[in-house]
Protein backbone atom coordinates (compact mmCIF):
# COMPACT_ATOMS: atom_id res chain seq x y z
CA UNK A 1 -5.93 32.52 7.80
CA UNK A 2 -8.00 30.26 10.02
CA UNK A 3 -8.25 26.50 10.09
CA UNK A 4 -11.35 25.01 8.49
CA UNK A 5 -13.47 21.98 9.32
CA UNK A 6 -13.78 18.99 7.05
CA UNK A 7 -16.18 16.09 6.81
CA UNK A 8 -18.17 14.10 4.30
CA UNK A 9 -21.71 14.78 3.14
CA UNK A 10 -22.75 11.26 4.13
CA UNK A 11 -21.25 8.51 6.23
CA UNK A 12 -21.35 6.15 3.25
CA UNK A 13 -19.50 8.34 0.73
CA UNK A 14 -16.10 6.69 1.33
CA UNK A 15 -15.02 3.09 0.75
CA UNK A 16 -12.33 2.00 3.19
CA UNK A 17 -10.26 -0.81 4.60
CA UNK A 18 -8.40 -1.20 7.86
CA UNK A 19 -4.80 -1.96 7.04
CA UNK A 20 -3.22 -4.85 8.92
CA UNK A 21 -2.17 -8.46 8.86
CA UNK A 22 -5.67 -9.58 7.85
CA UNK A 23 -5.66 -7.57 4.59
CA UNK A 24 -5.73 -9.85 1.57
CA UNK A 25 -4.33 -9.23 -1.92
CA UNK A 26 -7.97 -9.03 -3.10
CA UNK A 27 -8.67 -6.23 -0.57
CA UNK A 28 -5.68 -4.27 -1.83
CA UNK A 29 -6.64 -4.86 -5.47
CA UNK A 30 -10.20 -3.69 -4.86
CA UNK A 31 -9.16 -0.49 -3.13
CA UNK A 32 -6.38 0.21 -5.64
CA UNK A 33 -8.83 -0.17 -8.52
CA UNK A 34 -10.74 2.82 -7.12
CA UNK A 35 -7.82 5.25 -6.71
CA UNK A 36 -7.67 7.66 -9.65
CA UNK A 37 -5.43 10.34 -11.15
CA UNK A 38 -7.02 13.72 -10.37
CA UNK A 39 -4.91 15.73 -12.85
CA UNK A 40 -5.42 13.66 -16.00
CA UNK A 41 -8.74 14.77 -17.52
CA UNK A 42 -9.71 11.13 -18.19
CA UNK A 43 -9.10 10.30 -14.46
CA UNK A 44 -7.60 6.85 -15.08
CA UNK A 45 -6.91 4.39 -12.28
CA UNK A 46 -3.51 5.00 -10.62
CA UNK A 47 -1.73 1.63 -11.00
CA UNK A 48 -0.04 0.26 -7.89
CA UNK A 49 -1.42 2.99 -5.63
CA UNK A 50 -1.40 0.69 -2.59
CA UNK A 51 1.34 -1.85 -1.97
CA UNK A 52 2.16 -3.99 1.04
CA UNK A 53 0.96 -6.70 3.35
CA UNK A 54 1.41 -7.92 6.92
CA UNK A 55 0.63 -4.65 8.63
CA UNK A 56 2.85 -2.19 6.75
CA UNK A 57 2.48 -0.73 3.30
CA UNK A 58 2.95 2.16 0.95
CA UNK A 59 0.22 4.42 -0.37
CA UNK A 60 1.11 6.37 -3.51
CA UNK A 61 -0.96 9.55 -3.64
CA UNK A 62 -1.52 10.40 -7.32
CA UNK A 63 0.70 13.30 -8.42
CA UNK A 64 1.64 14.09 -4.79
CA UNK A 65 3.94 11.57 -3.14
CA UNK A 66 4.22 8.53 -0.92
CA UNK A 67 2.85 7.73 2.54
CA UNK A 68 3.72 4.80 4.81
CA UNK A 69 0.66 2.90 6.02
CA UNK A 70 0.79 1.23 9.44
CA UNK A 71 -1.37 -1.51 10.96
CA UNK A 72 -4.75 -0.15 12.06
CA UNK A 73 -4.68 2.84 9.71
CA UNK A 74 -7.78 3.37 7.60
CA UNK A 75 -7.36 3.94 3.88
CA UNK A 76 -10.47 5.39 2.32
CA UNK A 77 -11.31 6.33 -1.25
CA UNK A 78 -13.82 8.98 -2.27
CA UNK A 79 -16.42 7.24 -4.45
CA UNK A 80 -16.92 10.26 -6.71
CA UNK A 81 -13.34 11.27 -7.49
CA UNK A 82 -11.23 8.25 -6.55
CA UNK A 83 -9.13 10.33 -4.16
CA UNK A 84 -7.33 8.33 -1.41
CA UNK A 85 -7.53 9.41 2.23
CA UNK A 86 -5.26 8.01 4.96
CA UNK A 87 -6.41 8.26 8.59
CA UNK A 88 -4.07 6.99 11.29
CA UNK A 89 -5.10 4.24 13.71
CA UNK A 90 -4.68 6.70 16.59
CA UNK A 91 -6.93 9.28 14.92
CA UNK A 92 -9.62 6.68 14.20
CA UNK A 93 -9.54 5.51 17.82
CA UNK A 94 -9.70 8.96 19.38
CA UNK A 95 -11.26 11.22 16.76
CA UNK A 96 -14.83 11.95 15.70
CA UNK A 97 -14.93 9.29 12.98
CA UNK A 98 -17.84 7.09 11.96
CA UNK A 99 -16.73 3.77 10.52
CA UNK A 100 -17.66 0.12 10.31
């Protein structure tokens, strides 16, 4: 089995925020309102998917588990499916990512 490549079809297909001390409760609420349950056929919003402030938080991946979010990490959500994507601050700084 070989590794595959992964990217998006367009640079605007993900909504994201940079996690850190400047994140407001409104930012967290907006992003959380877009994270959805991929297994439930109705794909409801996953309540409380992102919790935390002041540079450290918790991202609950629907039906999968929990990730710790650090300052500078990007949390993105696929606009079509509501699936959350966590990219580390280090990866954003040194990887082939396009972001605003």
